[in-house]
């Protein structure tokens, strides 16, 4: 979970953006929007959710493994590689 006030603010901003996208999707469904527009909004929500998940996971991984100065450069690189892999998977 994000530990600094800046990280927390960033995550909450993402959550609010996702909420706005969900609200827009609901309105589109209620108004009978075309399937293409609905699918596009669903894809946007999915992308935003994946971005949020990646950000929270990155924060957790860094808090768990990257805070200790006793870790070697290799461990720090492994942390960075893992985060990169998670981000690529969630795209």
PDB file of N, CA and C in Angstrom:
ATOM      1  N   UNK A   1       0.843  -1.180   0.000  1.00  0.00           N
ATOM      2  CA  UNK A   1       0.000   0.000   0.000  1.00  0.00           C
ATOM      3  C   UNK A   1       0.881   1.233   0.000  1.00  0.00           C
ATOM      4  N   UNK A   2       0.502   2.237  -0.723  1.00  0.00           N
ATOM      5  CA  UNK A   2       1.300   3.466  -0.753  1.00  0.00           C
ATOM      6  C   UNK A   2       1.507   4.016   0.655  1.00  0.00           C
ATOM      7  N   UNK A   3       2.740   4.381   0.960  1.00  0.00           N
ATOM      8  CA  UNK A   3       3.058   4.790   2.323  1.00  0.00           C
ATOM      9  C   UNK A   3       3.215   6.294   2.490  1.00  0.00           C
ATOM     10  N   UNK A   4       3.590   6.991   1.447  1.00  0.00           N
ATOM     11  CA  UNK A   4       3.776   8.435   1.573  1.00  0.00           C
ATOM     12  C   UNK A   4       2.480   9.156   1.200  1.00  0.00           C
ATOM     13  N   UNK A   5       2.303  10.363   1.698  1.00  0.00           N
ATOM     14  CA  UNK A   5       1.100  11.122   1.333  1.00  0.00           C
ATOM     15  C   UNK A   5       0.981  11.345  -0.176  1.00  0.00           C
ATOM     16  N   UNK A   6       2.111  11.534  -0.857  1.00  0.00           N
ATOM     17  CA  UNK A   6       2.082  11.745  -2.306  1.00  0.00           C
ATOM     18  C   UNK A   6       1.603  10.496  -3.035  1.00  0.00           C
ATOM     19  N   UNK A   7       2.117   9.320  -2.601  1.00  0.00           N
ATOM     20  CA  UNK A   7       1.707   8.065  -3.229  1.00  0.00           C
ATOM     21  C   UNK A   7       0.226   7.799  -2.979  1.00  0.00           C
ATOM     22  N   UNK A   8      -0.214   8.057  -1.754  1.00  0.00           N
ATOM     23  CA  UNK A   8      -1.620   7.846  -1.416  1.00  0.00           C
ATOM     24  C   UNK A   8      -2.518   8.755  -2.259  1.00  0.00           C
ATOM     25  N   UNK A   9      -2.118  10.007  -2.419  1.00  0.00           N
ATOM     26  CA  UNK A   9      -2.897  10.950  -3.223  1.00  0.00           C
ATOM     27  C   UNK A   9      -2.979  10.481  -4.673  1.00  0.00           C
ATOM     28  N   UNK A  10      -1.856   9.980  -5.187  1.00  0.00           N
ATOM     29  CA  UNK A  10      -1.802   9.496  -6.566  1.00  0.00           C
ATOM     30  C   UNK A  10      -2.750   8.307  -6.771  1.00  0.00           C
ATOM     31  N   UNK A  11      -2.746   7.379  -5.811  1.00  0.00           N
ATOM     32  CA  UNK A  11      -3.609   6.198  -5.906  1.00  0.00           C
ATOM     33  C   UNK A  11      -5.079   6.606  -5.806  1.00  0.00           C
ATOM     34  N   UNK A  12      -5.388   7.500  -4.876  1.00  0.00           N
ATOM     35  CA  UNK A  12      -6.776   7.950  -4.738  1.00  0.00           C
ATOM     36  C   UNK A  12      -7.256   8.683  -5.987  1.00  0.00           C
ATOM     37  N   UNK A  13      -6.366   9.427  -6.628  1.00  0.00           N
ATOM     38  CA  UNK A  13      -6.715  10.094  -7.882  1.00  0.00           C
ATOM     39  C   UNK A  13      -7.066   9.062  -8.946  1.00  0.00           C
ATOM     40  N   UNK A  14      -6.295   7.988  -9.007  1.00  0.00           N
ATOM     41  CA  UNK A  14      -6.590   6.911  -9.969  1.00  0.00           C
ATOM     42  C   UNK A  14      -7.946   6.276  -9.681  1.00  0.00           C
ATOM     43  N   UNK A  15      -8.221   6.031  -8.395  1.00  0.00           N
ATOM     44  CA  UNK A  15      -9.496   5.417  -8.011  1.00  0.00           C
ATOM     45  C   UNK A  15     -10.659   6.322  -8.416  1.00  0.00           C
ATOM     46  N   UNK A  16     -10.507   7.604  -8.190  1.00  0.00           N
ATOM     47  CA  UNK A  16     -11.573   8.548  -8.560  1.00  0.00           C
ATOM     48  C   UNK A  16     -11.766   8.608 -10.076  1.00  0.00           C
ATOM     49  N   UNK A  17     -10.673   8.501 -10.812  1.00  0.00           N
ATOM     50  CA  UNK A  17     -10.771   8.486 -12.272  1.00  0.00           C
ATOM     51  C   UNK A  17     -11.521   7.227 -12.731  1.00  0.00           C
ATOM     52  N   UNK A  18     -11.204   6.102 -12.118  1.00  0.00           N
ATOM     53  CA  UNK A  18     -11.894   4.850 -12.458  1.00  0.00           C
ATOM     54  C   UNK A  18     -13.379   4.969 -12.126  1.00  0.00           C
ATOM     55  N   UNK A  19     -13.688   5.562 -10.974  1.00  0.00           N
ATOM     56  CA  UNK A  19     -15.096   5.758 -10.604  1.00  0.00           C
ATOM     57  C   UNK A  19     -15.811   6.594 -11.665  1.00  0.00           C
ATOM     58  N   UNK A  20     -15.166   7.631 -12.152  1.00  0.00           N
ATOM     59  CA  UNK A  20     -15.753   8.461 -13.205  1.00  0.00           C
ATOM     60  C   UNK A  20     -15.977   7.674 -14.482  1.00  0.00           C
ATOM     61  N   UNK A  21     -15.023   6.809 -14.816  1.00  0.00           N
ATOM     62  CA  UNK A  21     -15.180   5.978 -16.009  1.00  0.00           C
ATOM     63  C   UNK A  21     -16.341   4.998 -15.847  1.00  0.00           C
ATOM     64  N   UNK A  22     -16.470   4.426 -14.664  1.00  0.00           N
ATOM     65  CA  UNK A  22     -17.571   3.491 -14.396  1.00  0.00           C
ATOM     66  C   UNK A  22     -18.915   4.220 -14.479  1.00  0.00           C
ATOM     67  N   UNK A  23     -18.973   5.420 -13.915  1.00  0.00           N
ATOM     68  CA  UNK A  23     -20.208   6.216 -13.991  1.00  0.00           C
ATOM     69  C   UNK A  23     -20.576   6.509 -15.447  1.00  0.00           C
ATOM     70  N   UNK A  24     -19.579   6.860 -16.254  1.00  0.00           N
ATOM     71  CA  UNK A  24     -19.825   7.136 -17.674  1.00  0.00           C
ATOM     72  C   UNK A  24     -20.294   5.873 -18.393  1.00  0.00           C
ATOM     73  N   UNK A  25     -19.717   4.742 -18.042  1.00  0.00           N
ATOM     74  CA  UNK A  25     -20.124   3.467 -18.633  1.00  0.00           C
ATOM     75  C   UNK A  25     -21.577   3.154 -18.270  1.00  0.00           C
ATOM     76  N   UNK A  26     -21.923   3.372 -17.020  1.00  0.00           N
ATOM     77  CA  UNK A  26     -23.301   3.128 -16.586  1.00  0.00           C
ATOM     78  C   UNK A  26     -24.286   4.019 -17.350  1.00  0.00           C
ATOM     79  N   UNK A  27     -23.937   5.289 -17.499  1.00  0.00           N
ATOM     80  CA  UNK A  27     -24.810   6.204 -18.249  1.00  0.00           C
ATOM     81  C   UNK A  27     -24.949   5.754 -19.703  1.00  0.00           C
ATOM     82  N   UNK A  28     -23.838   5.331 -20.291  1.00  0.00           N
ATOM     83  CA  UNK A  28     -23.875   4.875 -21.684  1.00  0.00           C
ATOM     84  C   UNK A  28     -24.788   3.661 -21.832  1.00  0.00           C
ATOM     85  N   UNK A  29     -24.713   2.745 -20.884  1.00  0.00           N
ATOM     86  CA  UNK A  29     -25.577   1.565 -20.930  1.00  0.00           C
ATOM     87  C   UNK A  29     -27.042   1.953 -20.759  1.00  0.00           C
ATOM     88  N   UNK A  30     -27.302   2.856 -19.819  1.00  0.00           N
ATOM     89  CA  UNK A  30     -28.683   3.299 -19.592  1.00  0.00           C
ATOM     90  C   UNK A  30     -29.260   4.012 -20.814  1.00  0.00           C
ATOM     91  N   UNK A  31     -28.409   4.738 -21.532  1.00  0.00           N
ATOM     92  CA  UNK A  31     -28.864   5.510 -22.689  1.00  0.00           C
ATOM     93  C   UNK A  31     -28.837   4.718 -23.991  1.00  0.00           C
ATOM     94  N   UNK A  32     -28.458   3.450 -23.919  1.00  0.00           N
ATOM     95  CA  UNK A  32     -28.468   2.609 -25.108  1.00  0.00           C
ATOM     96  C   UNK A  32     -27.388   2.946 -26.118  1.00  0.00           C
ATOM     97  N   UNK A  33     -26.213   3.294 -25.638  1.00  0.00           N
ATOM     98  CA  UNK A  33     -25.097   3.618 -26.533  1.00  0.00           C
ATOM     99  C   UNK A  33     -24.742   2.406 -27.392  1.00  0.00           C
ATOM    100  N   UNK A  34     -24.063   2.675 -28.484  1.00  0.00           N
ATOM    101  CA  UNK A  34     -23.652   1.604 -29.393  1.00  0.00           C
ATOM    102  C   UNK A  34     -22.645   0.675 -28.713  1.00  0.00           C
ATOM    103  N   UNK A  35     -22.657  -0.562 -29.152  1.00  0.00           N
ATOM    104  CA  UNK A  35     -21.792  -1.594 -28.584  1.00  0.00           C
ATOM    105  C   UNK A  35     -20.319  -1.185 -28.645  1.00  0.00           C
ATOM    106  N   UNK A  36     -19.923  -0.608 -29.758  1.00  0.00           N
ATOM    107  CA  UNK A  36     -18.523  -0.200 -29.930  1.00  0.00           C
ATOM    108  C   UNK A  36     -18.108   0.793 -28.844  1.00  0.00           C
ATOM    109  N   UNK A  37     -18.956   1.767 -28.563  1.00  0.00           N
ATOM    110  CA  UNK A  37     -18.660   2.772 -27.540  1.00  0.00           C
ATOM    111  C   UNK A  37     -18.605   2.132 -26.151  1.00  0.00           C
ATOM    112  N   UNK A  38     -19.512   1.201 -25.894  1.00  0.00           N
ATOM    113  CA  UNK A  38     -19.538   0.501 -24.606  1.00  0.00           C
ATOM    114  C   UNK A  38     -18.247  -0.296 -24.422  1.00  0.00           C
ATOM    115  N   UNK A  39     -17.865  -1.041 -25.455  1.00  0.00           N
ATOM    116  CA  UNK A  39     -16.646  -1.847 -25.372  1.00  0.00           C
ATOM    117  C   UNK A  39     -15.414  -0.971 -25.179  1.00  0.00           C
ATOM    118  N   UNK A  40     -15.407   0.167 -25.828  1.00  0.00           N
ATOM    119  CA  UNK A  40     -14.285   1.093 -25.680  1.00  0.00           C
ATOM    120  C   UNK A  40     -14.198   1.592 -24.236  1.00  0.00           C
ATOM    121  N   UNK A  41     -15.329   1.898 -23.628  1.00  0.00           N
ATOM    122  CA  UNK A  41     -15.330   2.351 -22.239  1.00  0.00           C
ATOM    123  C   UNK A  41     -14.917   1.232 -21.291  1.00  0.00           C
ATOM    124  N   UNK A  42     -15.361   0.018 -21.561  1.00  0.00           N
ATOM    125  CA  UNK A  42     -14.963  -1.123 -20.732  1.00  0.00           C
ATOM    126  C   UNK A  42     -13.452  -1.320 -20.812  1.00  0.00           C
ATOM    127  N   UNK A  43     -12.895  -1.207 -22.005  1.00  0.00           N
ATOM    128  CA  UNK A  43     -11.441  -1.344 -22.170  1.00  0.00           C
ATOM    129  C   UNK A  43     -10.699  -0.250 -21.400  1.00  0.00           C
ATOM    130  N   UNK A  44     -11.241   0.953 -21.396  1.00  0.00           N
ATOM    131  CA  UNK A  44     -10.615   2.050 -20.656  1.00  0.00           C
ATOM    132  C   UNK A  44     -10.637   1.770 -19.158  1.00  0.00           C
ATOM    133  N   UNK A  45     -11.749   1.245 -18.658  1.00  0.00           N
ATOM    134  CA  UNK A  45     -11.858   0.896 -17.236  1.00  0.00           C
ATOM    135  C   UNK A  45     -10.859  -0.203 -16.891  1.00  0.00           C
ATOM    136  N   UNK A  46     -10.778  -1.195 -17.761  1.00  0.00           N
ATOM    137  CA  UNK A  46      -9.839  -2.296 -17.519  1.00  0.00           C
ATOM    138  C   UNK A  46      -8.407  -1.777 -17.478  1.00  0.00           C
ATOM    139  N   UNK A  47      -8.047  -0.917 -18.420  1.00  0.00           N
ATOM    140  CA  UNK A  47      -6.701  -0.353 -18.439  1.00  0.00           C
ATOM    141  C   UNK A  47      -6.405   0.460 -17.196  1.00  0.00           C
ATOM    142  N   UNK A  48      -7.372   1.257 -16.772  1.00  0.00           N
ATOM    143  CA  UNK A  48      -7.181   2.071 -15.569  1.00  0.00           C
ATOM    144  C   UNK A  48      -7.050   1.193 -14.329  1.00  0.00           C
ATOM    145  N   UNK A  49      -7.846   0.136 -14.248  1.00  0.00           N
ATOM    146  CA  UNK A  49      -7.764  -0.786 -13.111  1.00  0.00           C
ATOM    147  C   UNK A  49      -6.424  -1.509 -13.083  1.00  0.00           C
ATOM    148  N   UNK A  50      -5.966  -1.929 -14.250  1.00  0.00           N
ATOM    149  CA  UNK A  50      -4.657  -2.582 -14.319  1.00  0.00           C
ATOM    150  C   UNK A  50      -3.542  -1.625 -13.912  1.00  0.00           C
ATOM    151  N   UNK A  51      -3.647  -0.366 -14.313  1.00  0.00           N
ATOM    152  CA  UNK A  51      -2.660   0.631 -13.912  1.00  0.00           C
ATOM    153  C   UNK A  51      -2.648   0.837 -12.411  1.00  0.00           C
ATOM    154  N   UNK A  52      -3.829   0.872 -11.807  1.00  0.00           N
ATOM    155  CA  UNK A  52      -3.938   1.003 -10.354  1.00  0.00           C
ATOM    156  C   UNK A  52      -3.313  -0.202  -9.663  1.00  0.00           C
ATOM    157  N   UNK A  53      -3.631  -1.394 -10.153  1.00  0.00           N
ATOM    158  CA  UNK A  53      -3.079  -2.602  -9.563  1.00  0.00           C
ATOM    159  C   UNK A  53      -1.556  -2.615  -9.663  1.00  0.00           C
ATOM    160  N   UNK A  54      -1.026  -2.230 -10.806  1.00  0.00           N
ATOM    161  CA  UNK A  54       0.425  -2.196 -10.993  1.00  0.00           C
ATOM    162  C   UNK A  54       1.068  -1.206 -10.025  1.00  0.00           C
ATOM    163  N   UNK A  55       0.442  -0.068  -9.843  1.00  0.00           N
ATOM    164  CA  UNK A  55       0.999   0.949  -8.951  1.00  0.00           C
ATOM    165  C   UNK A  55       1.018   0.469  -7.496  1.00  0.00           C
ATOM    166  N   UNK A  56      -0.071  -0.157  -7.053  1.00  0.00           N
ATOM    167  CA  UNK A  56      -0.136  -0.662  -5.679  1.00  0.00           C
ATOM    168  C   UNK A  56       0.847  -1.815  -5.496  1.00  0.00           C
ATOM    169  N   UNK A  57       0.932  -2.707  -6.480  1.00  0.00           N
ATOM    170  CA  UNK A  57       1.898  -3.810  -6.396  1.00  0.00           C
ATOM    171  C   UNK A  57       3.331  -3.296  -6.362  1.00  0.00           C
ATOM    172  N   UNK A  58       3.629  -2.306  -7.184  1.00  0.00           N
ATOM    173  CA  UNK A  58       4.975  -1.733  -7.188  1.00  0.00           C
ATOM    174  C   UNK A  58       5.311  -1.151  -5.821  1.00  0.00           C
ATOM    175  N   UNK A  59       4.380  -0.437  -5.250  1.00  0.00           N
ATOM    176  CA  UNK A  59       4.594   0.150  -3.931  1.00  0.00           C
ATOM    177  C   UNK A  59       4.853  -0.942  -2.899  1.00  0.00           C
ATOM    178  N   UNK A  60       4.058  -1.999  -2.953  1.00  0.00           N
ATOM    179  CA  UNK A  60       4.229  -3.107  -2.007  1.00  0.00           C
ATOM    180  C   UNK A  60       5.583  -3.791  -2.186  1.00  0.00           C
ATOM    181  N   UNK A  61       5.947  -4.061  -3.413  1.00  0.00           N
ATOM    182  CA  UNK A  61       7.228  -4.728  -3.677  1.00  0.00           C
ATOM    183  C   UNK A  61       8.383  -3.865  -3.191  1.00  0.00           C
ATOM    184  N   UNK A  62       8.335  -2.590  -3.490  1.00  0.00           N
ATOM    185  CA  UNK A  62       9.420  -1.694  -3.054  1.00  0.00           C
ATOM    186  C   UNK A  62       9.481  -1.601  -1.531  1.00  0.00           C
ATOM    187  N   UNK A  63       8.331  -1.505  -0.873  1.00  0.00           N
ATOM    188  CA  UNK A  63       8.313  -1.438   0.587  1.00  0.00           C
ATOM    189  C   UNK A  63       8.867  -2.717   1.197  1.00  0.00           C
ATOM    190  N   UNK A  64       8.565  -3.841   0.584  1.00  0.00           N
ATOM    191  CA  UNK A  64       8.981  -5.124   1.133  1.00  0.00           C
ATOM    192  C   UNK A  64      10.458  -5.415   0.894  1.00  0.00           C
ATOM    193  N   UNK A  65      10.961  -5.122  -0.304  1.00  0.00           N
ATOM    194  CA  UNK A  65      12.297  -5.565  -0.666  1.00  0.00           C
ATOM    195  C   UNK A  65      13.320  -4.468  -0.875  1.00  0.00           C
ATOM    196  N   UNK A  66      12.892  -3.267  -1.132  1.00  0.00           N
ATOM    197  CA  UNK A  66      13.835  -2.239  -1.570  1.00  0.00           C
ATOM    198  C   UNK A  66      14.200  -1.241  -0.482  1.00  0.00           C
ATOM    199  N   UNK A  67      13.639  -1.359   0.701  1.00  0.00           N
ATOM    200  CA  UNK A  67      13.910  -0.374   1.737  1.00  0.00           C
ATOM    201  C   UNK A  67      15.198  -0.650   2.494  1.00  0.00           C
ATOM    202  N   UNK A  68      15.627  -1.873   2.497  1.00  0.00           N
ATOM    203  CA  UNK A  68      16.792  -2.246   3.285  1.00  0.00           C
ATOM    204  C   UNK A  68      18.070  -1.915   2.525  1.00  0.00           C
ATOM    205  N   UNK A  69      18.887  -1.051   3.101  1.00  0.00           N
ATOM    206  CA  UNK A  69      20.140  -0.653   2.450  1.00  0.00           C
ATOM    207  C   UNK A  69      21.158  -1.790   2.395  1.00  0.00           C
ATOM    208  N   UNK A  70      20.909  -2.852   3.145  1.00  0.00           N
ATOM    209  CA  UNK A  70      21.850  -3.974   3.158  1.00  0.00           C
ATOM    210  C   UNK A  70      21.713  -4.871   1.931  1.00  0.00           C
ATOM    211  N   UNK A  71      20.661  -4.673   1.157  1.00  0.00           N
ATOM    212  CA  UNK A  71      20.495  -5.485  -0.039  1.00  0.00           C
ATOM    213  C   UNK A  71      21.536  -5.103  -1.081  1.00  0.00           C
ATOM    214  N   UNK A  72      21.958  -6.099  -1.804  1.00  0.00           N
ATOM    215  CA  UNK A  72      22.961  -5.874  -2.837  1.00  0.00           C
ATOM    216  C   UNK A  72      22.331  -5.203  -4.054  1.00  0.00           C
ATOM    217  N   UNK A  73      23.206  -4.782  -4.940  1.00  0.00           N
ATOM    218  CA  UNK A  73      22.757  -4.196  -6.207  1.00  0.00           C
ATOM    219  C   UNK A  73      21.955  -5.221  -7.001  1.00  0.00           C
ATOM    220  N   UNK A  74      22.338  -6.492  -6.892  1.00  0.00           N
ATOM    221  CA  UNK A  74      21.641  -7.554  -7.621  1.00  0.00           C
ATOM    222  C   UNK A  74      20.195  -7.689  -7.149  1.00  0.00           C
ATOM    223  N   UNK A  75      19.994  -7.585  -5.831  1.00  0.00           N
ATOM    224  CA  UNK A  75      18.634  -7.679  -5.295  1.00  0.00           C
ATOM    225  C   UNK A  75      17.816  -6.478  -5.757  1.00  0.00           C
ATOM    226  N   UNK A  76      18.416  -5.291  -5.713  1.00  0.00           N
ATOM    227  CA  UNK A  76      17.714  -4.094  -6.178  1.00  0.00           C
ATOM    228  C   UNK A  76      17.344  -4.217  -7.650  1.00  0.00           C
ATOM    229  N   UNK A  77      18.245  -4.775  -8.444  1.00  0.00           N
ATOM    230  CA  UNK A  77      17.957  -4.976  -9.867  1.00  0.00           C
ATOM    231  C   UNK A  77      16.836  -5.992 -10.040  1.00  0.00           C
ATOM    232  N   UNK A  78      16.844  -7.037  -9.226  1.00  0.00           N
ATOM    233  CA  UNK A  78      15.771  -8.032  -9.295  1.00  0.00           C
ATOM    234  C   UNK A  78      14.421  -7.413  -8.953  1.00  0.00           C
ATOM    235  N   UNK A  79      14.415  -6.510  -7.974  1.00  0.00           N
ATOM    236  CA  UNK A  79      13.182  -5.807  -7.615  1.00  0.00           C
ATOM    237  C   UNK A  79      12.691  -5.000  -8.809  1.00  0.00           C
ATOM    238  N   UNK A  80      13.593  -4.245  -9.433  1.00  0.00           N
ATOM    239  CA  UNK A  80      13.227  -3.444 -10.607  1.00  0.00           C
ATOM    240  C   UNK A  80      12.725  -4.326 -11.749  1.00  0.00           C
ATOM    241  N   UNK A  81      13.391  -5.457 -11.967  1.00  0.00           N
ATOM    242  CA  UNK A  81      12.980  -6.375 -13.031  1.00  0.00           C
ATOM    243  C   UNK A  81      11.589  -6.955 -12.756  1.00  0.00           C
ATOM    244  N   UNK A  82      11.334  -7.291 -11.497  1.00  0.00           N
ATOM    245  CA  UNK A  82      10.030  -7.840 -11.122  1.00  0.00           C
ATOM    246  C   UNK A  82       8.930  -6.814 -11.351  1.00  0.00           C
ATOM    247  N   UNK A  83       9.186  -5.580 -10.962  1.00  0.00           N
ATOM    248  CA  UNK A  83       8.207  -4.511 -11.160  1.00  0.00           C
ATOM    249  C   UNK A  83       7.944  -4.302 -12.650  1.00  0.00           C
ATOM    250  N   UNK A  84       8.994  -4.315 -13.437  1.00  0.00           N
ATOM    251  CA  UNK A  84       8.847  -4.159 -14.890  1.00  0.00           C
ATOM    252  C   UNK A  84       8.007  -5.293 -15.475  1.00  0.00           C
ATOM    253  N   UNK A  85       8.241  -6.501 -15.002  1.00  0.00           N
ATOM    254  CA  UNK A  85       7.490  -7.666 -15.458  1.00  0.00           C
ATOM    255  C   UNK A  85       6.012  -7.543 -15.097  1.00  0.00           C
ATOM    256  N   UNK A  86       5.726  -7.124 -13.872  1.00  0.00           N
ATOM    257  CA  UNK A  86       4.339  -6.952 -13.430  1.00  0.00           C
ATOM    258  C   UNK A  86       3.644  -5.909 -14.295  1.00  0.00           C
ATOM    259  N   UNK A  87       4.321  -4.806 -14.535  1.00  0.00           N
ATOM    260  CA  UNK A  87       3.728  -3.737 -15.358  1.00  0.00           C
ATOM    261  C   UNK A  87       3.448  -4.238 -16.782  1.00  0.00           C
ATOM    262  N   UNK A  88       4.378  -4.999 -17.343  1.00  0.00           N
ATOM    263  CA  UNK A  88       4.180  -5.529 -18.695  1.00  0.00           C
ATOM    264  C   UNK A  88       2.998  -6.503 -18.722  1.00  0.00           C
ATOM    265  N   UNK A  89       2.878  -7.323 -17.703  1.00  0.00           N
ATOM    266  CA  UNK A  89       1.794  -8.299 -17.644  1.00  0.00           C
ATOM    267  C   UNK A  89       0.436  -7.612 -17.536  1.00  0.00           C
ATOM    268  N   UNK A  90       0.387  -6.519 -16.790  1.00  0.00           N
ATOM    269  CA  UNK A  90      -0.893  -5.853 -16.550  1.00  0.00           C
ATOM    270  C   UNK A  90      -1.287  -4.870 -17.646  1.00  0.00           C
ATOM    271  N   UNK A  91      -0.446  -4.680 -18.655  1.00  0.00           N
ATOM    272  CA  UNK A  91      -0.796  -3.763 -19.750  1.00  0.00           C
ATOM    273  C   UNK A  91      -1.907  -4.325 -20.582  1.00  0.00           C
TER     274      UNK A  91
END
